[in-house]
């Protein structure tokens, strides 16, 4: 690999010395490579070189989620090294960094294509679009009352219910907020979308798994209460001017590098169970 990006979450490091050591190790296993570092600014398209062969993300799951929304449209694979707490999306722990670099050089790896979601909100001529790897969440404000939601699947009415909110999750996001809200664990490469209610006020409302190509239209009845849309738990959008939220599978896919020997079920046991 000749062009390598390194995304650094500086909050995970003590000093610059550690960063320099990491860059040095990358150079050792990729002699002559052009290495570009991105510190806490991976969310800016302007700084990303489309010629990157890989971007090594040093941080936790949040750092990978942020990077994924930027590099997925560019088709750049992500090698995640866990410097955080959970690190469920990463390929290796920090102590396994050199081994991961060695296997990367020896082509002992494969790439998983992970589904992403596209979310659209629109009001008259005001239209906004967001992409997520984990989930799109619609929820009430801190002091708001519960909302009524009407759900349409492929333009057909599915159900209406009252709740604190609703999570629309990819299989990757099934082990995040959706799991805490009672949703199922979904194998990450399956082509499905999960709808998980948050504290529903109706006994009949349960999680549902939909075919991956489904178009989901959510109509919110909020009556001057505060509602928010959250993307991957990182970007929050006030829905004051919006009532309809349309979610479907994105054309973009997140490419996660998996080192030879990676075992999803082993990671699941160690980090979730």
C-alpha atoms as a PDB file:
ATOM      1  CA  UNK A   1       0.000   0.000   0.000  1.00  0.00           C
ATOM      2  CA  UNK A   2       1.508   3.273  -1.149  1.00  0.00           C
ATOM      3  CA  UNK A   3      -0.951   5.871   0.140  1.00  0.00           C
ATOM      4  CA  UNK A   4      -2.033   5.476   3.764  1.00  0.00           C
ATOM      5  CA  UNK A   5      -4.173   7.785   5.854  1.00  0.00           C
ATOM      6  CA  UNK A   6      -4.113   7.766   9.650  1.00  0.00           C
ATOM      7  CA  UNK A   7      -7.096   9.178  11.534  1.00  0.00           C
ATOM      8  CA  UNK A   8      -6.131  10.068  15.086  1.00  0.00           C
ATOM      9  CA  UNK A   9      -8.556  10.777  17.902  1.00  0.00           C
ATOM     10  CA  UNK A  10      -6.211  12.913  19.989  1.00  0.00           C
ATOM     11  CA  UNK A  11      -8.329  12.469  23.121  1.00  0.00           C
ATOM     12  CA  UNK A  12      -7.131   8.840  23.212  1.00  0.00           C
ATOM     13  CA  UNK A  13      -3.440   9.714  23.353  1.00  0.00           C
ATOM     14  CA  UNK A  14      -1.213  11.053  26.133  1.00  0.00           C
ATOM     15  CA  UNK A  15       1.349  12.887  24.003  1.00  0.00           C
ATOM     16  CA  UNK A  16       2.758  13.355  20.506  1.00  0.00           C
ATOM     17  CA  UNK A  17       5.476  10.785  21.157  1.00  0.00           C
ATOM     18  CA  UNK A  18       2.974   7.937  20.974  1.00  0.00           C
ATOM     19  CA  UNK A  19       1.629   9.252  17.683  1.00  0.00           C
ATOM     20  CA  UNK A  20       5.137   9.414  16.224  1.00  0.00           C
ATOM     21  CA  UNK A  21       5.824   5.843  17.332  1.00  0.00           C
ATOM     22  CA  UNK A  22       2.684   4.673  15.581  1.00  0.00           C
ATOM     23  CA  UNK A  23       3.611   6.476  12.371  1.00  0.00           C
ATOM     24  CA  UNK A  24       7.064   4.934  12.613  1.00  0.00           C
ATOM     25  CA  UNK A  25       5.628   1.421  12.839  1.00  0.00           C
ATOM     26  CA  UNK A  26       3.426   2.036   9.814  1.00  0.00           C
ATOM     27  CA  UNK A  27       6.496   3.224   7.862  1.00  0.00           C
ATOM     28  CA  UNK A  28       8.445   0.134   8.883  1.00  0.00           C
ATOM     29  CA  UNK A  29       5.873  -2.205   7.361  1.00  0.00           C
ATOM     30  CA  UNK A  30       5.150   0.032   4.375  1.00  0.00           C
ATOM     31  CA  UNK A  31       8.521   1.378   3.253  1.00  0.00           C
ATOM     32  CA  UNK A  32       8.263   4.368   0.924  1.00  0.00           C
ATOM     33  CA  UNK A  33       4.555   4.832   1.585  1.00  0.00           C
ATOM     34  CA  UNK A  34       3.019   8.293   1.596  1.00  0.00           C
ATOM     35  CA  UNK A  35       1.418   8.652   5.046  1.00  0.00           C
ATOM     36  CA  UNK A  36      -1.037  11.445   5.790  1.00  0.00           C
ATOM     37  CA  UNK A  37      -2.396  12.079   9.266  1.00  0.00           C
ATOM     38  CA  UNK A  38      -5.798  13.524  10.128  1.00  0.00           C
ATOM     39  CA  UNK A  39      -6.275  14.706  13.706  1.00  0.00           C
ATOM     40  CA  UNK A  40      -9.849  15.218  14.893  1.00  0.00           C
ATOM     41  CA  UNK A  41     -10.892  16.432  11.449  1.00  0.00           C
ATOM     42  CA  UNK A  42     -11.773  13.288   9.538  1.00  0.00           C
ATOM     43  CA  UNK A  43     -15.294  14.618   8.994  1.00  0.00           C
ATOM     44  CA  UNK A  44     -14.059  17.159   6.448  1.00  0.00           C
ATOM     45  CA  UNK A  45     -14.246  15.900   2.852  1.00  0.00           C
ATOM     46  CA  UNK A  46     -11.742  18.558   1.775  1.00  0.00           C
ATOM     47  CA  UNK A  47      -8.833  16.935   3.582  1.00  0.00           C
ATOM     48  CA  UNK A  48      -9.347  13.399   2.300  1.00  0.00           C
ATOM     49  CA  UNK A  49      -7.205  12.203  -0.589  1.00  0.00           C
ATOM     50  CA  UNK A  50      -9.303   9.957  -2.842  1.00  0.00           C
ATOM     51  CA  UNK A  51      -6.147   8.037  -3.767  1.00  0.00           C
ATOM     52  CA  UNK A  52      -5.752   6.579  -0.271  1.00  0.00           C
ATOM     53  CA  UNK A  53      -5.399   2.790  -0.327  1.00  0.00           C
ATOM     54  CA  UNK A  54      -6.477   2.540   3.303  1.00  0.00           C
ATOM     55  CA  UNK A  55      -7.193   4.738   6.276  1.00  0.00           C
ATOM     56  CA  UNK A  56      -6.054   3.467   9.673  1.00  0.00           C
ATOM     57  CA  UNK A  57      -8.396   4.737  12.372  1.00  0.00           C
ATOM     58  CA  UNK A  58      -6.878   4.975  15.838  1.00  0.00           C
ATOM     59  CA  UNK A  59      -9.622   5.353  18.428  1.00  0.00           C
ATOM     60  CA  UNK A  60     -12.838   3.630  19.394  1.00  0.00           C
ATOM     61  CA  UNK A  61     -16.164   2.894  17.748  1.00  0.00           C
ATOM     62  CA  UNK A  62     -17.128   6.574  17.709  1.00  0.00           C
ATOM     63  CA  UNK A  63     -14.002   7.454  15.745  1.00  0.00           C
ATOM     64  CA  UNK A  64     -14.781   4.749  13.193  1.00  0.00           C
ATOM     65  CA  UNK A  65     -18.393   5.900  12.841  1.00  0.00           C
ATOM     66  CA  UNK A  66     -17.236   9.431  12.137  1.00  0.00           C
ATOM     67  CA  UNK A  67     -14.630   8.266   9.639  1.00  0.00           C
ATOM     68  CA  UNK A  68     -17.056   5.930   7.883  1.00  0.00           C
ATOM     69  CA  UNK A  69     -19.502   8.715   7.003  1.00  0.00           C
ATOM     70  CA  UNK A  70     -16.643  10.559   5.288  1.00  0.00           C
ATOM     71  CA  UNK A  71     -14.639   7.865   3.509  1.00  0.00           C
ATOM     72  CA  UNK A  72     -17.444   5.479   2.465  1.00  0.00           C
ATOM     73  CA  UNK A  73     -18.370   7.611  -0.595  1.00  0.00           C
ATOM     74  CA  UNK A  74     -14.693   7.503  -1.597  1.00  0.00           C
ATOM     75  CA  UNK A  75     -14.490   3.707  -1.324  1.00  0.00           C
ATOM     76  CA  UNK A  76     -11.560   3.843   1.112  1.00  0.00           C
ATOM     77  CA  UNK A  77     -11.240   0.754   3.368  1.00  0.00           C
ATOM     78  CA  UNK A  78     -10.956   1.343   7.133  1.00  0.00           C
ATOM     79  CA  UNK A  79      -8.574  -0.504   9.428  1.00  0.00           C
ATOM     80  CA  UNK A  80      -9.765   0.198  12.975  1.00  0.00           C
ATOM     81  CA  UNK A  81      -7.338  -0.104  15.894  1.00  0.00           C
ATOM     82  CA  UNK A  82      -9.006   0.082  19.288  1.00  0.00           C
ATOM     83  CA  UNK A  83      -7.670   2.850  21.499  1.00  0.00           C
ATOM     84  CA  UNK A  84     -11.009   3.337  23.241  1.00  0.00           C
ATOM     85  CA  UNK A  85     -13.205   1.315  25.576  1.00  0.00           C
ATOM     86  CA  UNK A  86     -15.444  -1.068  23.609  1.00  0.00           C
ATOM     87  CA  UNK A  87     -13.926  -1.159  20.142  1.00  0.00           C
ATOM     88  CA  UNK A  88     -16.582  -3.480  18.729  1.00  0.00           C
ATOM     89  CA  UNK A  89     -16.056  -2.217  15.168  1.00  0.00           C
ATOM     90  CA  UNK A  90     -12.267  -2.295  15.229  1.00  0.00           C
ATOM     91  CA  UNK A  91     -10.131  -4.987  13.614  1.00  0.00           C
ATOM     92  CA  UNK A  92      -7.527  -5.235  16.367  1.00  0.00           C
ATOM     93  CA  UNK A  93      -6.617  -4.030  19.842  1.00  0.00           C
ATOM     94  CA  UNK A  94      -3.788  -1.539  20.357  1.00  0.00           C
ATOM     95  CA  UNK A  95      -1.391  -4.280  21.511  1.00  0.00           C
ATOM     96  CA  UNK A  96      -2.080  -6.153  18.248  1.00  0.00           C
ATOM     97  CA  UNK A  97      -1.234  -3.159  16.077  1.00  0.00           C
ATOM     98  CA  UNK A  98       2.084  -4.444  14.700  1.00  0.00           C
ATOM     99  CA  UNK A  99       0.620  -7.873  13.960  1.00  0.00           C
ATOM    100  CA  UNK A 100      -2.225  -6.203  12.083  1.00  0.00           C
ATOM    101  CA  UNK A 101       0.251  -4.149  10.029  1.00  0.00           C
ATOM    102  CA  UNK A 102       2.231  -7.279   9.207  1.00  0.00           C
ATOM    103  CA  UNK A 103      -0.848  -9.156   7.988  1.00  0.00           C
ATOM    104  CA  UNK A 104      -1.984  -6.118   6.048  1.00  0.00           C
ATOM    105  CA  UNK A 105       1.348  -6.082   4.213  1.00  0.00           C
ATOM    106  CA  UNK A 106       1.113  -9.832   3.556  1.00  0.00           C
ATOM    107  CA  UNK A 107      -2.435  -9.465   2.182  1.00  0.00           C
ATOM    108  CA  UNK A 108      -3.759 -11.643   4.979  1.00  0.00           C
ATOM    109  CA  UNK A 109      -6.999  -9.753   5.316  1.00  0.00           C
ATOM    110  CA  UNK A 110     -10.418  -9.326   3.722  1.00  0.00           C
ATOM    111  CA  UNK A 111     -12.905  -6.493   3.436  1.00  0.00           C
ATOM    112  CA  UNK A 112     -16.442  -6.554   4.830  1.00  0.00           C
ATOM    113  CA  UNK A 113     -19.006  -4.368   3.096  1.00  0.00           C
ATOM    114  CA  UNK A 114     -21.304  -2.920   5.753  1.00  0.00           C
ATOM    115  CA  UNK A 115     -24.712  -1.460   4.929  1.00  0.00           C
ATOM    116  CA  UNK A 116     -25.291   2.220   5.604  1.00  0.00           C
ATOM    117  CA  UNK A 117     -28.545   4.173   5.880  1.00  0.00           C
ATOM    118  CA  UNK A 118     -29.621   7.298   4.044  1.00  0.00           C
ATOM    119  CA  UNK A 119     -31.988   9.627   5.863  1.00  0.00           C
ATOM    120  CA  UNK A 120     -33.932  12.506   4.284  1.00  0.00           C
ATOM    121  CA  UNK A 121     -35.935  15.233   5.982  1.00  0.00           C
ATOM    122  CA  UNK A 122     -37.823  17.746   3.891  1.00  0.00           C
ATOM    123  CA  UNK A 123     -40.032  20.790   4.419  1.00  0.00           C
ATOM    124  CA  UNK A 124     -41.123  22.784   1.364  1.00  0.00           C
ATOM    125  CA  UNK A 125     -37.839  23.669  -0.389  1.00  0.00           C
ATOM    126  CA  UNK A 126     -35.689  22.810   2.623  1.00  0.00           C
ATOM    127  CA  UNK A 127     -34.232  19.322   2.190  1.00  0.00           C
ATOM    128  CA  UNK A 128     -31.436  17.720   4.179  1.00  0.00           C
ATOM    129  CA  UNK A 129     -29.775  14.337   3.806  1.00  0.00           C
ATOM    130  CA  UNK A 130     -27.663  12.284   6.218  1.00  0.00           C
ATOM    131  CA  UNK A 131     -25.815   8.964   6.077  1.00  0.00           C
ATOM    132  CA  UNK A 132     -25.189   6.618   9.003  1.00  0.00           C
ATOM    133  CA  UNK A 133     -23.364   3.362   9.658  1.00  0.00           C
ATOM    134  CA  UNK A 134     -25.055   2.466  12.956  1.00  0.00           C
ATOM    135  CA  UNK A 135     -28.465   4.047  13.270  1.00  0.00           C
ATOM    136  CA  UNK A 136     -30.887   6.901  12.832  1.00  0.00           C
ATOM    137  CA  UNK A 137     -32.751   7.764  16.034  1.00  0.00           C
ATOM    138  CA  UNK A 138     -35.840   9.942  16.412  1.00  0.00           C
ATOM    139  CA  UNK A 139     -36.569  10.900  19.996  1.00  0.00           C
ATOM    140  CA  UNK A 140     -38.254  13.491  22.176  1.00  0.00           C
ATOM    141  CA  UNK A 141     -36.501  16.341  23.927  1.00  0.00           C
ATOM    142  CA  UNK A 142     -35.631  16.137  27.614  1.00  0.00           C
ATOM    143  CA  UNK A 143     -38.882  17.675  28.868  1.00  0.00           C
ATOM    144  CA  UNK A 144     -41.120  16.705  25.933  1.00  0.00           C
ATOM    145  CA  UNK A 145     -44.072  14.368  26.138  1.00  0.00           C
ATOM    146  CA  UNK A 146     -44.143  11.106  24.217  1.00  0.00           C
ATOM    147  CA  UNK A 147     -44.904  11.420  20.490  1.00  0.00           C
ATOM    148  CA  UNK A 148     -47.183   9.547  18.155  1.00  0.00           C
ATOM    149  CA  UNK A 149     -45.421   7.899  15.230  1.00  0.00           C
ATOM    150  CA  UNK A 150     -46.988   6.642  12.018  1.00  0.00           C
ATOM    151  CA  UNK A 151     -44.856   4.176  10.093  1.00  0.00           C
ATOM    152  CA  UNK A 152     -45.154   3.531   6.353  1.00  0.00           C
ATOM    153  CA  UNK A 153     -43.130   0.777   4.682  1.00  0.00           C
ATOM    154  CA  UNK A 154     -42.746   1.084   0.896  1.00  0.00           C
ATOM    155  CA  UNK A 155     -45.638   3.577   0.931  1.00  0.00           C
ATOM    156  CA  UNK A 156     -47.925   1.118   2.757  1.00  0.00           C
ATOM    157  CA  UNK A 157     -49.193   1.896   6.255  1.00  0.00           C
ATOM    158  CA  UNK A 158     -47.592  -0.393   8.846  1.00  0.00           C
ATOM    159  CA  UNK A 159     -48.648   0.890  12.277  1.00  0.00           C
ATOM    160  CA  UNK A 160     -48.946   3.870  14.597  1.00  0.00           C
ATOM    161  CA  UNK A 161     -47.832   4.011  18.208  1.00  0.00           C
ATOM    162  CA  UNK A 162     -46.777   6.342  21.009  1.00  0.00           C
ATOM    163  CA  UNK A 163     -43.258   6.164  22.412  1.00  0.00           C
ATOM    164  CA  UNK A 164     -40.239   8.121  23.558  1.00  0.00           C
ATOM    165  CA  UNK A 165     -38.688   7.456  20.173  1.00  0.00           C
ATOM    166  CA  UNK A 166     -37.708   4.964  17.504  1.00  0.00           C
ATOM    167  CA  UNK A 167     -34.385   3.541  16.306  1.00  0.00           C
ATOM    168  CA  UNK A 168     -33.805   2.603  12.681  1.00  0.00           C
ATOM    169  CA  UNK A 169     -30.720   0.428  12.702  1.00  0.00           C
ATOM    170  CA  UNK A 170     -28.370  -1.317  10.323  1.00  0.00           C
ATOM    171  CA  UNK A 171     -27.087  -4.785  11.243  1.00  0.00           C
ATOM    172  CA  UNK A 172     -23.858  -3.071  12.341  1.00  0.00           C
ATOM    173  CA  UNK A 173     -25.866  -0.854  14.690  1.00  0.00           C
ATOM    174  CA  UNK A 174     -27.862  -3.755  16.130  1.00  0.00           C
ATOM    175  CA  UNK A 175     -25.274  -4.135  18.907  1.00  0.00           C
ATOM    176  CA  UNK A 176     -25.410  -0.437  19.818  1.00  0.00           C
ATOM    177  CA  UNK A 177     -28.404   1.625  21.006  1.00  0.00           C
ATOM    178  CA  UNK A 178     -30.880  -0.778  19.385  1.00  0.00           C
ATOM    179  CA  UNK A 179     -29.628  -3.620  21.575  1.00  0.00           C
ATOM    180  CA  UNK A 180     -30.061  -1.506  24.716  1.00  0.00           C
ATOM    181  CA  UNK A 181     -33.642  -0.779  23.658  1.00  0.00           C
ATOM    182  CA  UNK A 182     -34.448  -4.480  23.363  1.00  0.00           C
ATOM    183  CA  UNK A 183     -33.702  -5.063  19.689  1.00  0.00           C
ATOM    184  CA  UNK A 184     -32.139  -8.270  18.327  1.00  0.00           C
ATOM    185  CA  UNK A 185     -28.492  -8.880  17.499  1.00  0.00           C
ATOM    186  CA  UNK A 186     -28.161  -9.122  13.715  1.00  0.00           C
ATOM    187  CA  UNK A 187     -25.199 -10.633  11.898  1.00  0.00           C
ATOM    188  CA  UNK A 188     -23.424  -7.559  10.475  1.00  0.00           C
ATOM    189  CA  UNK A 189     -23.321  -8.473   6.771  1.00  0.00           C
ATOM    190  CA  UNK A 190     -27.000  -9.398   6.401  1.00  0.00           C
ATOM    191  CA  UNK A 191     -29.040  -7.078   4.172  1.00  0.00           C
ATOM    192  CA  UNK A 192     -31.825  -6.001   6.551  1.00  0.00           C
ATOM    193  CA  UNK A 193     -33.011  -2.946   8.498  1.00  0.00           C
ATOM    194  CA  UNK A 194     -34.302  -3.056  12.076  1.00  0.00           C
ATOM    195  CA  UNK A 195     -37.005  -0.814  13.569  1.00  0.00           C
ATOM    196  CA  UNK A 196     -36.814  -0.712  17.357  1.00  0.00           C
ATOM    197  CA  UNK A 197     -39.203   1.402  19.481  1.00  0.00           C
ATOM    198  CA  UNK A 198     -37.888   3.266  22.520  1.00  0.00           C
ATOM    199  CA  UNK A 199     -40.163   2.799  25.564  1.00  0.00           C
ATOM    200  CA  UNK A 200     -43.383   2.266  23.541  1.00  0.00           C
ATOM    201  CA  UNK A 201     -46.698   3.031  25.237  1.00  0.00           C
ATOM    202  CA  UNK A 202     -48.374   0.191  23.304  1.00  0.00           C
ATOM    203  CA  UNK A 203     -47.983  -3.466  24.198  1.00  0.00           C
ATOM    204  CA  UNK A 204     -48.335  -4.493  20.546  1.00  0.00           C
ATOM    205  CA  UNK A 205     -45.360  -2.453  19.325  1.00  0.00           C
ATOM    206  CA  UNK A 206     -42.249  -4.601  19.066  1.00  0.00           C
ATOM    207  CA  UNK A 207     -39.089  -4.580  16.992  1.00  0.00           C
ATOM    208  CA  UNK A 208     -39.424  -5.595  13.365  1.00  0.00           C
ATOM    209  CA  UNK A 209     -36.785  -6.662  10.831  1.00  0.00           C
ATOM    210  CA  UNK A 210     -37.323  -5.406   7.286  1.00  0.00           C
ATOM    211  CA  UNK A 211     -35.829  -6.331   3.938  1.00  0.00           C
ATOM    212  CA  UNK A 212     -32.805  -4.180   3.173  1.00  0.00           C
ATOM    213  CA  UNK A 213     -34.347  -2.363   0.197  1.00  0.00           C
ATOM    214  CA  UNK A 214     -37.345  -1.140   2.195  1.00  0.00           C
ATOM    215  CA  UNK A 215     -38.223   2.545   2.224  1.00  0.00           C
ATOM    216  CA  UNK A 216     -39.358   3.708   5.658  1.00  0.00           C
ATOM    217  CA  UNK A 217     -41.427   6.855   6.089  1.00  0.00           C
ATOM    218  CA  UNK A 218     -41.965   8.054   9.651  1.00  0.00           C
ATOM    219  CA  UNK A 219     -44.556  10.748  10.341  1.00  0.00           C
ATOM    220  CA  UNK A 220     -44.234  12.429  13.735  1.00  0.00           C
ATOM    221  CA  UNK A 221     -47.128  14.082  15.573  1.00  0.00           C
ATOM    222  CA  UNK A 222     -45.350  16.291  18.107  1.00  0.00           C
ATOM    223  CA  UNK A 223     -47.729  19.228  18.745  1.00  0.00           C
ATOM    224  CA  UNK A 224     -45.118  21.914  19.388  1.00  0.00           C
ATOM    225  CA  UNK A 225     -42.960  19.551  21.454  1.00  0.00           C
ATOM    226  CA  UNK A 226     -39.216  19.176  20.795  1.00  0.00           C
ATOM    227  CA  UNK A 227     -38.136  16.250  18.614  1.00  0.00           C
ATOM    228  CA  UNK A 228     -34.622  15.402  17.495  1.00  0.00           C
ATOM    229  CA  UNK A 229     -33.016  13.208  14.888  1.00  0.00           C
ATOM    230  CA  UNK A 230     -29.632  11.732  15.802  1.00  0.00           C
ATOM    231  CA  UNK A 231     -27.167  10.219  13.345  1.00  0.00           C
ATOM    232  CA  UNK A 232     -24.881   7.518  14.779  1.00  0.00           C
ATOM    233  CA  UNK A 233     -25.255   9.157  18.195  1.00  0.00           C
ATOM    234  CA  UNK A 234     -23.025  12.008  17.017  1.00  0.00           C
ATOM    235  CA  UNK A 235     -24.960  14.505  14.896  1.00  0.00           C
ATOM    236  CA  UNK A 236     -28.199  15.906  16.344  1.00  0.00           C
ATOM    237  CA  UNK A 237     -30.804  17.722  14.219  1.00  0.00           C
ATOM    238  CA  UNK A 238     -33.790  19.609  15.633  1.00  0.00           C
ATOM    239  CA  UNK A 239     -36.958  18.458  13.830  1.00  0.00           C
ATOM    240  CA  UNK A 240     -38.914  21.573  14.732  1.00  0.00           C
ATOM    241  CA  UNK A 241     -39.591  22.375  11.045  1.00  0.00           C
ATOM    242  CA  UNK A 242     -39.888  18.761   9.883  1.00  0.00           C
ATOM    243  CA  UNK A 243     -42.596  16.168  10.308  1.00  0.00           C
ATOM    244  CA  UNK A 244     -41.623  13.443   7.837  1.00  0.00           C
ATOM    245  CA  UNK A 245     -38.442  11.367   7.978  1.00  0.00           C
ATOM    246  CA  UNK A 246     -37.615   9.013   5.104  1.00  0.00           C
ATOM    247  CA  UNK A 247     -34.995   6.322   5.620  1.00  0.00           C
ATOM    248  CA  UNK A 248     -33.658   3.731   3.201  1.00  0.00           C
ATOM    249  CA  UNK A 249     -30.488   1.850   2.406  1.00  0.00           C
ATOM    250  CA  UNK A 250     -27.679   4.072   1.187  1.00  0.00           C
ATOM    251  CA  UNK A 251     -25.910   3.415  -2.084  1.00  0.00           C
ATOM    252  CA  UNK A 252     -22.658   3.768  -0.148  1.00  0.00           C
ATOM    253  CA  UNK A 253     -21.105   0.943   1.844  1.00  0.00           C
ATOM    254  CA  UNK A 254     -18.581   1.119   4.630  1.00  0.00           C
ATOM    255  CA  UNK A 255     -15.572  -1.088   3.882  1.00  0.00           C
ATOM    256  CA  UNK A 256     -14.128  -2.515   7.107  1.00  0.00           C
ATOM    257  CA  UNK A 257     -10.850  -4.405   6.952  1.00  0.00           C
ATOM    258  CA  UNK A 258     -10.831  -7.700   8.824  1.00  0.00           C
ATOM    259  CA  UNK A 259      -7.464  -9.262   9.603  1.00  0.00           C
ATOM    260  CA  UNK A 260      -7.043 -12.995   8.917  1.00  0.00           C
ATOM    261  CA  UNK A 261      -8.254 -14.894  11.974  1.00  0.00           C
ATOM    262  CA  UNK A 262     -10.908 -12.323  12.918  1.00  0.00           C
ATOM    263  CA  UNK A 263     -13.815 -14.063  14.639  1.00  0.00           C
ATOM    264  CA  UNK A 264     -17.060 -12.068  14.933  1.00  0.00           C
ATOM    265  CA  UNK A 265     -18.562 -14.425  17.508  1.00  0.00           C
ATOM    266  CA  UNK A 266     -15.436 -14.264  19.659  1.00  0.00           C
ATOM    267  CA  UNK A 267     -15.644 -10.457  19.612  1.00  0.00           C
ATOM    268  CA  UNK A 268     -19.373 -10.660  20.414  1.00  0.00           C
ATOM    269  CA  UNK A 269     -18.742 -12.873  23.456  1.00  0.00           C
ATOM    270  CA  UNK A 270     -15.923 -10.724  24.797  1.00  0.00           C
ATOM    271  CA  UNK A 271     -17.422  -7.290  24.269  1.00  0.00           C
ATOM    272  CA  UNK A 272     -21.215  -7.745  24.426  1.00  0.00           C
ATOM    273  CA  UNK A 273     -22.109 -10.881  26.397  1.00  0.00           C
END
